[in-house]
Amino acid sequence: MLVGVGGLALGIAAALVLSALRDDIVFFRSPTEIASGVVAEGAQIRLGGMVEEGSITRSSDGLRIAFRVTDGSQSLPVFYHGILPDLFREGQGVVAEGQLRNGAFEAATVLAKHDENYMPREVQAALEEGGYQSPGQ
């Protein structure tokens, strides 16, 4: 009887922990997945891909940045307010965390990657699936 009660308590505790974590899980998405409509407006997600060549624009104060992220087949406009990482530049990998708003991505965090060799598996897979070719190839 004691083992049964202990198992039940452990099961309830595990269910409560998983339920609490579900709200904090952030899924990775590529521009192609977002364009296909699988992401709900306002959902917290991570967007990954390459910064599109010629797409970076900055406000006069330099803190509001707009750019496009591509996976080779689709691209998505991204807006960010803040200081970007030193490695951020056109043609480099990027992972941005934020929300989809009115067909654009509002990033709260931007992480720059040196190149394809240091990308998360999900980003690399999305680029390969999209047929992305880096400008140097």
Protein backbone atom coordinates (compact mmCIF):
# COMPACT_ATOMS: atom_id res chain seq x y z
CA MET A 1 0.00 0.00 0.00
CA LEU A 2 2.84 2.38 0.87
CA VAL A 3 4.56 1.70 -2.45
CA GLY A 4 1.34 2.38 -4.35
CA VAL A 5 0.78 5.71 -2.59
CA GLY A 6 4.45 6.66 -3.17
CA GLY A 7 4.14 5.79 -6.88
CA LEU A 8 0.95 7.81 -7.18
CA ALA A 9 2.57 10.82 -5.48
CA LEU A 10 5.58 10.55 -7.78
CA GLY A 11 3.29 10.37 -10.84
CA ILE A 12 1.34 13.44 -9.75
CA ALA A 13 4.56 15.36 -9.08
CA ALA A 14 5.94 14.45 -12.53
CA ALA A 15 2.69 15.53 -14.20
CA LEU A 16 2.76 18.88 -12.41
CA VAL A 17 6.40 19.52 -13.40
CA LEU A 18 5.75 18.63 -17.04
CA SER A 19 2.64 20.80 -17.07
CA ALA A 20 4.60 23.79 -15.72
CA LEU A 21 7.44 23.28 -18.19
CA ARG A 22 5.10 23.06 -21.17
CA ASP A 23 4.49 26.81 -21.00
CA ASP A 24 8.23 27.52 -21.00
CA ILE A 25 9.18 25.31 -23.96
CA VAL A 26 10.23 27.32 -27.02
CA PHE A 27 10.17 25.52 -30.37
CA PHE A 28 12.60 26.12 -33.23
CA ARG A 29 11.04 27.05 -36.59
CA SER A 30 12.47 27.88 -40.01
CA PRO A 31 11.16 30.65 -42.30
CA THR A 32 9.55 27.98 -44.51
CA GLU A 33 7.61 26.50 -41.57
CA ILE A 34 6.46 29.94 -40.49
CA ALA A 35 5.39 30.85 -44.04
CA SER A 36 3.36 27.61 -44.25
CA GLY A 37 1.22 28.79 -41.33
CA VAL A 38 2.17 26.20 -38.67
CA VAL A 39 3.01 28.94 -36.16
CA ALA A 40 0.23 30.79 -34.36
CA GLU A 41 0.41 34.57 -34.16
CA GLY A 42 2.01 35.58 -30.84
CA ALA A 43 3.49 32.16 -30.06
CA GLN A 44 6.96 32.23 -28.47
CA ILE A 45 9.38 30.53 -30.90
CA ARG A 46 12.98 30.44 -32.06
CA LEU A 47 13.63 31.38 -35.67
CA GLY A 48 16.82 30.14 -37.26
CA GLY A 49 18.54 30.55 -40.60
CA MET A 50 20.95 32.86 -42.37
CA VAL A 51 20.86 36.66 -42.43
CA GLU A 52 19.90 37.53 -46.01
CA GLU A 53 22.47 39.53 -47.99
CA GLY A 54 21.55 43.21 -48.34
CA SER A 55 18.67 43.04 -45.88
CA ILE A 56 20.01 44.82 -42.78
CA THR A 57 18.66 48.30 -42.07
CA ARG A 58 19.26 50.31 -38.90
CA SER A 59 17.44 53.23 -37.36
CA SER A 60 19.25 56.53 -36.87
CA ASP A 61 20.01 55.67 -33.23
CA GLY A 62 21.32 52.24 -34.28
CA LEU A 63 19.20 50.35 -31.76
CA ARG A 64 16.26 49.40 -33.98
CA ILE A 65 17.41 46.84 -36.57
CA ALA A 66 15.43 45.19 -39.35
CA PHE A 67 16.76 42.26 -41.37
CA ARG A 68 15.56 39.15 -43.16
CA VAL A 69 16.27 35.54 -42.17
CA THR A 70 16.28 32.92 -44.91
CA ASP A 71 16.54 29.16 -45.11
CA GLY A 72 17.09 29.14 -48.86
CA SER A 73 13.48 28.79 -49.97
CA GLN A 74 11.67 31.40 -47.84
CA SER A 75 12.69 34.51 -45.96
CA LEU A 76 11.05 36.35 -43.08
CA PRO A 77 11.43 39.97 -41.91
CA VAL A 78 12.80 40.30 -38.38
CA PHE A 79 12.71 43.38 -36.17
CA TYR A 80 14.93 43.76 -33.12
CA HIS A 81 15.52 46.56 -30.65
CA GLY A 82 18.85 46.39 -28.85
CA ILE A 83 22.52 45.76 -29.36
CA LEU A 84 23.36 42.89 -31.70
CA PRO A 85 26.15 40.36 -31.06
CA ASP A 86 29.57 41.14 -32.60
CA LEU A 87 29.31 38.16 -34.99
CA PHE A 88 26.01 39.35 -36.46
CA ARG A 89 26.34 40.18 -40.17
CA GLU A 90 24.85 39.36 -43.56
CA GLY A 91 25.42 35.81 -44.76
CA GLN A 92 25.96 34.47 -41.22
CA GLY A 93 23.81 32.13 -39.19
CA VAL A 94 21.38 33.54 -36.66
CA VAL A 95 18.91 32.25 -34.10
CA ALA A 96 16.32 34.75 -32.86
CA GLU A 97 13.83 34.17 -30.08
CA GLY A 98 10.58 36.10 -30.08
CA GLN A 99 7.07 36.19 -31.50
CA LEU A 100 5.38 36.36 -34.88
CA ARG A 101 3.40 39.60 -35.20
CA ASN A 102 1.56 40.77 -38.36
CA GLY A 103 3.64 38.58 -40.69
CA ALA A 104 6.98 39.69 -39.23
CA PHE A 105 9.11 38.33 -36.43
CA GLU A 106 9.62 40.54 -33.35
CA ALA A 107 12.84 39.28 -31.79
CA ALA A 108 13.52 39.66 -28.07
CA THR A 109 16.91 37.91 -28.31
CA VAL A 110 19.31 37.49 -31.23
CA LEU A 111 22.19 35.00 -31.21
CA ALA A 112 24.72 35.09 -34.04
CA LYS A 113 26.60 32.02 -35.22
CA HIS A 114 30.04 32.11 -36.81
CA ASP A 115 29.11 29.85 -39.74
CA GLU A 116 27.27 26.64 -40.62
CA ASN A 117 29.82 24.54 -38.69
CA TYR A 118 28.60 25.91 -35.34
CA MET A 119 24.85 25.92 -35.94
CA PRO A 120 22.26 23.97 -33.99
CA ARG A 121 21.20 20.80 -35.79
CA GLU A 122 17.70 22.14 -36.37
CA VAL A 123 18.99 25.26 -38.14
CA GLN A 124 21.43 23.26 -40.28
CA ALA A 125 18.67 20.81 -41.26
CA ALA A 126 16.32 23.66 -42.22
CA LEU A 127 19.01 25.27 -44.39
CA GLU A 128 19.78 21.98 -46.14
CA GLU A 129 16.08 21.30 -46.68
CA GLY A 130 15.60 24.79 -48.11
CA GLY A 131 18.57 24.36 -50.46
CA TYR A 132 20.48 27.30 -48.98
CA GLN A 133 23.84 27.97 -50.62
CA SER A 134 26.14 30.36 -48.78
CA PRO A 135 27.26 33.33 -50.90
CA GLY A 136 30.84 32.00 -50.96
CA GLN A 137 29.85 28.71 -52.61
